[in-house]
Amino acid sequence: MFVSVVASNVFGYVSLACWVFVLVPQVYLNHKRKSCAGVSLAFYLLWALGDLLNLAGALLENLLFTAILLPAYYIFTDAIVLSQFYCYRKSAGDGSGERLPLVGAAAEKRPGRLATWHVLAGGLAAAVLVLAAWLAPRSVVAQVCGYASAAVYLGAYVPQIVHNYRERSTEGLSMLMFVVVTIANITYCMSILTAQTPTHEYLRKYAAWLLGAAGTIGLELIILYQFYIYRHSHAD
């Protein structure tokens, strides 16, 4: 039991260390290029919504400390990246030519409108969850938040994958970020699975968070594969 707890803590803090660092390469790349072109705004908007749902569910379900600390930190880093979108979009209005890809070329022509729809959808989801908190038991609301965050996380990668495919390029994205994200999700899952003997009740409690982390690993690998197959496009 002691070994399991130590292993869980090691995996948990490795995951936390990865997440502390994960957005640094992308933030630096955006700053260096003075642009967020190549990065899907929808990806980060949905990721931020998933983080909010993740944190709400973790708090309500009283999960492991690292499972609560991680989404709280995610929200902070999400704010940094989204602020870059705002700053560089403002620069674009001054003539820099910046575009904010949401779900492809058509979306790039109207980023403000689609971003507004994403914010409205997030607000609606939050309102539904607040209403549910009044009508349903706490544990039920926690699980709803957990599965909703998992679904949002899975959906968040789709706009970025589609954008990369349409552009035949991953220029503007940090490959290191996706490598670290993959490691972070693997160690996060291991921290949960090694915390104690995985009984049915324990797995039921953490199923949504395991789905959200493990499910996105495959999508992250797809993006890493896109870095490989489109590697020559940067030179073009």
Protein backbone atom coordinates (compact mmCIF):
# COMPACT_ATOMS: atom_id res chain seq x y z
CA MET A 1 0.00 0.00 0.00
CA PHE A 2 2.82 2.38 0.90
CA VAL A 3 4.55 1.68 -2.42
CA SER A 4 1.32 2.41 -4.30
CA VAL A 5 0.87 5.73 -2.52
CA VAL A 6 4.46 6.75 -3.25
CA ALA A 7 4.11 5.72 -6.91
CA SER A 8 0.85 7.64 -7.20
CA ASN A 9 2.45 10.75 -5.71
CA VAL A 10 5.47 10.48 -8.03
CA PHE A 11 3.28 10.10 -11.12
CA GLY A 12 1.02 12.90 -9.91
CA TYR A 13 3.79 15.40 -9.39
CA VAL A 14 5.53 14.43 -12.64
CA SER A 15 2.23 15.14 -14.36
CA LEU A 16 1.93 18.44 -12.48
CA ALA A 17 5.49 19.40 -13.47
CA CYS A 18 4.67 18.66 -17.12
CA TRP A 19 1.53 20.78 -16.98
CA VAL A 20 3.41 23.65 -15.35
CA PHE A 21 5.76 23.66 -18.33
CA VAL A 22 3.41 22.50 -21.09
CA LEU A 23 2.25 25.84 -22.51
CA VAL A 24 5.59 27.62 -22.15
CA PRO A 25 6.84 26.50 -25.62
CA GLN A 26 3.60 27.62 -27.31
CA VAL A 27 3.46 30.93 -25.43
CA TYR A 28 7.09 31.61 -26.34
CA LEU A 29 6.53 30.66 -29.99
CA ASN A 30 3.47 32.94 -30.22
CA HIS A 31 5.44 35.77 -28.64
CA LYS A 32 8.43 35.22 -30.93
CA ARG A 33 6.25 35.23 -34.06
CA LYS A 34 3.94 37.96 -32.68
CA SER A 35 1.16 35.75 -34.01
CA CYS A 36 -1.18 32.91 -33.09
CA ALA A 37 -1.64 31.90 -36.73
CA GLY A 38 -1.64 28.13 -37.04
CA VAL A 39 -3.17 27.67 -33.59
CA SER A 40 -6.90 26.95 -33.43
CA LEU A 41 -8.76 29.39 -31.19
CA ALA A 42 -11.59 26.86 -30.88
CA PHE A 43 -9.06 24.37 -29.48
CA TYR A 44 -8.16 26.69 -26.62
CA LEU A 45 -11.70 27.93 -25.99
CA LEU A 46 -12.95 24.36 -25.67
CA TRP A 47 -9.90 23.38 -23.63
CA ALA A 48 -10.63 26.23 -21.20
CA LEU A 49 -14.27 25.15 -20.91
CA GLY A 50 -13.13 21.59 -20.24
CA ASP A 51 -10.78 22.83 -17.54
CA LEU A 52 -13.59 24.71 -15.80
CA LEU A 53 -15.82 21.62 -15.84
CA ASN A 54 -12.87 19.47 -14.74
CA LEU A 55 -12.16 21.70 -11.73
CA ALA A 56 -15.84 21.89 -10.72
CA GLY A 57 -16.21 18.10 -10.85
CA ALA A 58 -12.93 17.45 -9.01
CA LEU A 59 -13.93 19.81 -6.19
CA LEU A 60 -17.43 18.34 -5.89
CA GLU A 61 -16.13 14.75 -5.96
CA ASN A 62 -13.29 15.55 -3.52
CA LEU A 63 -10.67 13.91 -5.73
CA LEU A 64 -6.92 13.61 -5.12
CA PHE A 65 -5.14 16.90 -4.41
CA THR A 66 -3.24 16.78 -7.72
CA ALA A 67 -6.50 16.11 -9.60
CA ILE A 68 -7.81 19.41 -8.17
CA LEU A 69 -4.61 21.42 -8.47
CA LEU A 70 -4.03 20.56 -12.14
CA PRO A 71 -7.26 22.00 -13.63
CA ALA A 72 -6.89 25.09 -11.41
CA TYR A 73 -3.47 25.68 -12.93
CA TYR A 74 -4.77 24.88 -16.43
CA ILE A 75 -7.26 27.74 -16.17
CA PHE A 76 -4.43 30.15 -15.35
CA THR A 77 -2.37 29.04 -18.36
CA ASP A 78 -5.44 29.06 -20.62
CA ALA A 79 -5.90 32.72 -19.76
CA ILE A 80 -2.32 33.49 -20.85
CA VAL A 81 -2.73 31.89 -24.28
CA LEU A 82 -6.17 33.41 -24.86
CA SER A 83 -4.78 36.82 -23.96
CA GLN A 84 -2.21 36.34 -26.75
CA PHE A 85 -5.04 35.71 -29.21
CA TYR A 86 -6.61 39.00 -28.12
CA CYS A 87 -3.36 40.98 -28.24
CA TYR A 88 -2.25 39.70 -31.63
CA ARG A 89 -5.73 40.03 -33.06
CA LYS A 90 -5.69 43.67 -31.99
CA SER A 91 -2.33 44.03 -33.74
CA ALA A 92 -3.92 42.44 -36.81
CA GLY A 93 -6.50 45.19 -36.79
CA ASP A 94 -3.62 47.62 -37.06
CA GLY A 95 -2.46 45.94 -40.28
CA SER A 96 -0.36 42.93 -39.31
CA GLY A 97 -2.61 40.53 -41.21
CA GLU A 98 -3.15 38.15 -38.27
CA ARG A 99 -5.86 35.53 -38.68
CA LEU A 100 -7.45 33.45 -35.95
CA PRO A 101 -8.26 29.94 -37.22
CA LEU A 102 -11.25 28.38 -35.48
CA VAL A 103 -12.34 25.50 -37.67
CA GLY A 104 -10.86 26.27 -41.06
CA ALA A 105 -10.69 28.88 -43.77
CA ALA A 106 -14.32 29.98 -43.53
CA ALA A 107 -14.01 30.46 -39.79
CA GLU A 108 -10.91 32.56 -40.23
CA LYS A 109 -13.05 35.15 -41.99
CA ARG A 110 -15.31 35.58 -38.96
CA PRO A 111 -13.37 34.64 -35.82
CA GLY A 112 -15.21 37.10 -33.59
CA ARG A 113 -18.64 35.62 -34.41
CA LEU A 114 -17.60 32.02 -33.83
CA ALA A 115 -15.68 32.88 -30.68
CA THR A 116 -18.84 34.53 -29.37
CA TRP A 117 -20.81 31.35 -30.06
CA HIS A 118 -18.24 29.32 -28.14
CA VAL A 119 -18.46 31.69 -25.16
CA LEU A 120 -22.28 31.58 -25.25
CA ALA A 121 -22.20 27.78 -25.38
CA GLY A 122 -19.86 27.75 -22.39
CA GLY A 123 -22.14 30.11 -20.48
CA LEU A 124 -25.16 27.95 -21.26
CA ALA A 125 -23.34 24.85 -20.06
CA ALA A 126 -22.38 26.62 -16.83
CA ALA A 127 -25.99 27.71 -16.28
CA VAL A 128 -27.24 24.15 -16.77
CA LEU A 129 -24.67 22.86 -14.27
CA VAL A 130 -25.65 25.48 -11.68
CA LEU A 131 -29.30 24.48 -12.09
CA ALA A 132 -28.36 20.81 -11.79
CA ALA A 133 -26.46 21.57 -8.58
CA TRP A 134 -29.73 22.74 -7.02
CA LEU A 135 -31.76 19.77 -8.22
CA ALA A 136 -29.38 16.80 -8.11
CA PRO A 137 -27.12 15.22 -5.47
CA ARG A 138 -23.58 16.58 -5.29
CA SER A 139 -22.01 13.33 -6.46
CA VAL A 140 -24.25 13.25 -9.54
CA VAL A 141 -23.35 16.83 -10.48
CA ALA A 142 -19.66 15.99 -9.99
CA GLN A 143 -19.89 13.06 -12.38
CA VAL A 144 -21.82 15.13 -14.92
CA CYS A 145 -19.05 17.76 -14.78
CA GLY A 146 -16.41 15.05 -15.13
CA TYR A 147 -17.98 13.41 -18.19
CA ALA A 148 -18.82 16.79 -19.73
CA SER A 149 -15.19 17.88 -19.36
CA ALA A 150 -14.02 14.61 -20.93
CA ALA A 151 -16.34 15.15 -23.91
CA VAL A 152 -15.18 18.75 -24.32
CA TYR A 153 -11.50 17.75 -24.11
CA LEU A 154 -12.01 15.12 -26.79
CA GLY A 155 -13.86 17.59 -29.01
CA ALA A 156 -11.29 20.35 -28.47
CA TYR A 157 -8.61 18.61 -30.52
CA VAL A 158 -10.81 18.21 -33.59
CA PRO A 159 -10.61 21.85 -34.81
CA GLN A 160 -6.81 21.80 -34.53
CA ILE A 161 -6.48 18.47 -36.33
CA VAL A 162 -8.85 19.65 -39.08
CA HIS A 163 -7.00 22.96 -39.44
CA ASN A 164 -3.63 21.19 -39.73
CA TYR A 165 -5.09 18.84 -42.35
CA ARG A 166 -6.61 21.65 -44.44
CA GLU A 167 -3.44 23.74 -44.32
CA ARG A 168 -1.18 20.69 -44.77
CA SER A 169 1.00 22.33 -42.14
CA THR A 170 1.66 22.51 -38.40
CA GLU A 171 3.50 25.81 -38.65
CA GLY A 172 2.76 27.99 -35.65
CA LEU A 173 2.28 25.01 -33.32
CA SER A 174 4.83 23.87 -30.77
CA MET A 175 5.58 20.16 -31.14
CA LEU A 176 7.21 20.17 -27.71
CA MET A 177 3.89 21.25 -26.19
CA PHE A 178 2.10 18.18 -27.54
CA VAL A 179 4.94 15.86 -26.45
CA VAL A 180 4.71 17.21 -22.91
CA VAL A 181 0.88 17.08 -22.94
CA THR A 182 1.03 13.39 -23.88
CA ILE A 183 3.49 12.61 -21.07
CA ALA A 184 1.37 14.65 -18.64
CA ASN A 185 -1.81 12.73 -19.47
CA ILE A 186 -0.08 9.34 -19.23
CA THR A 187 1.41 10.11 -15.81
CA TYR A 188 -1.91 11.65 -14.67
CA CYS A 189 -3.69 8.38 -15.45
CA MET A 190 -0.96 6.40 -13.70
CA SER A 191 -1.24 8.59 -10.61
CA ILE A 192 -4.93 7.66 -10.34
CA LEU A 193 -4.51 3.96 -11.13
CA THR A 194 -1.65 3.44 -8.64
CA ALA A 195 -3.19 5.41 -5.75
CA GLN A 196 -4.88 2.27 -4.42
CA THR A 197 -6.21 -1.08 -5.52
CA PRO A 198 -8.56 -0.21 -8.41
CA THR A 199 -11.89 -1.41 -7.03
CA HIS A 200 -15.12 -1.01 -8.97
CA GLU A 201 -16.22 1.92 -6.81
CA TYR A 202 -12.85 3.65 -7.12
CA LEU A 203 -12.80 3.29 -10.91
CA ARG A 204 -16.39 4.52 -11.12
CA LYS A 205 -15.41 7.64 -9.17
CA TYR A 206 -12.46 8.43 -11.44
CA ALA A 207 -13.79 7.05 -14.74
CA ALA A 208 -14.67 10.45 -16.20
CA TRP A 209 -11.24 11.90 -15.44
CA LEU A 210 -9.46 8.83 -16.77
CA LEU A 211 -11.55 9.08 -19.96
CA GLY A 212 -10.69 12.74 -20.38
CA ALA A 213 -6.95 12.16 -19.98
CA ALA A 214 -6.53 8.76 -21.66
CA GLY A 215 -8.96 9.56 -24.47
CA THR A 216 -7.02 12.59 -25.62
CA ILE A 217 -3.71 10.71 -25.82
CA GLY A 218 -4.74 9.19 -29.16
CA LEU A 219 -5.67 12.63 -30.51
CA GLU A 220 -2.36 14.07 -29.32
CA LEU A 221 -0.55 11.29 -31.16
CA ILE A 222 -2.49 12.21 -34.32
CA ILE A 223 -1.23 15.79 -34.04
CA LEU A 224 2.33 14.55 -33.44
CA TYR A 225 1.94 12.40 -36.57
CA GLN A 226 0.84 15.52 -38.45
CA PHE A 227 4.07 17.21 -37.35
CA TYR A 228 5.90 14.31 -38.98
CA ILE A 229 4.02 14.16 -42.28
CA TYR A 230 3.90 17.95 -42.72
CA ARG A 231 7.48 18.54 -41.55
CA HIS A 232 8.64 19.67 -45.02
CA SER A 233 5.86 22.23 -45.41
CA HIS A 234 7.66 24.63 -43.07
CA ALA A 235 10.53 24.84 -45.48
CA ASP A 236 8.12 25.64 -48.28
